[in-house]
Amino acid sequence: MRSEPDEEQKLTVAELKKIAIDLLSRRDQSCVELKQKLQQKGGALDDVVNVIDWCTGQNYQSDSRYCAMLVRSKVNKGYGFAVVSQAAREQGIDRELLTQTIDELEIDWFALALAQYQKKFADKPIKDFQDKQKRMGFLQRRGFTSGQIQYALQHQDS
């Protein structure tokens, strides 16, 4: 069992292409994620960069497509902009691309915050200040802004 590939065990460009296509056929990957996985498999940095460029040129890999998938996934799970932004940053997605993708998807963060609030707390009235803080904390941890949280609290009955 080898722990770290040495120079003789580096993968060829053809092998890296096969691995990249295999990874991308399962799901979209960001450039950063694909680069990391190919290097872990034993690819030399120059070869990995060439393979990623080839994948991008063939439209097998697309950061914009990956970003749209990531945003839709997080929004469908009920997360706000802060969580979506953090996930994109971890995957090496450019902030400008993220902003463009969110604009194209026309996400209503206020409606999403309200939907998550109603899903979690239904029609239960707020008992006291501590209960209100708990509810606000829940939405904040899900990535919503204070304005979106206030909107959800004020429109809970509608």
Foldseek 3Di string as FASTA:
>chain_A
DDDADDPVPADDLVVLLVVLLVVLVVDAAALQRSQVVSVVVRHDNVSSVVSSVVCVVVVSHDLLVVLLVLVVVLLVVLAADQVSVVVCVVRVHDPVSNVVSCVVVVDDRLVSLLVVLCVVPPPDDQDDPVSLVVSLVVNVVSPDDPVSSVSNNVPNVD
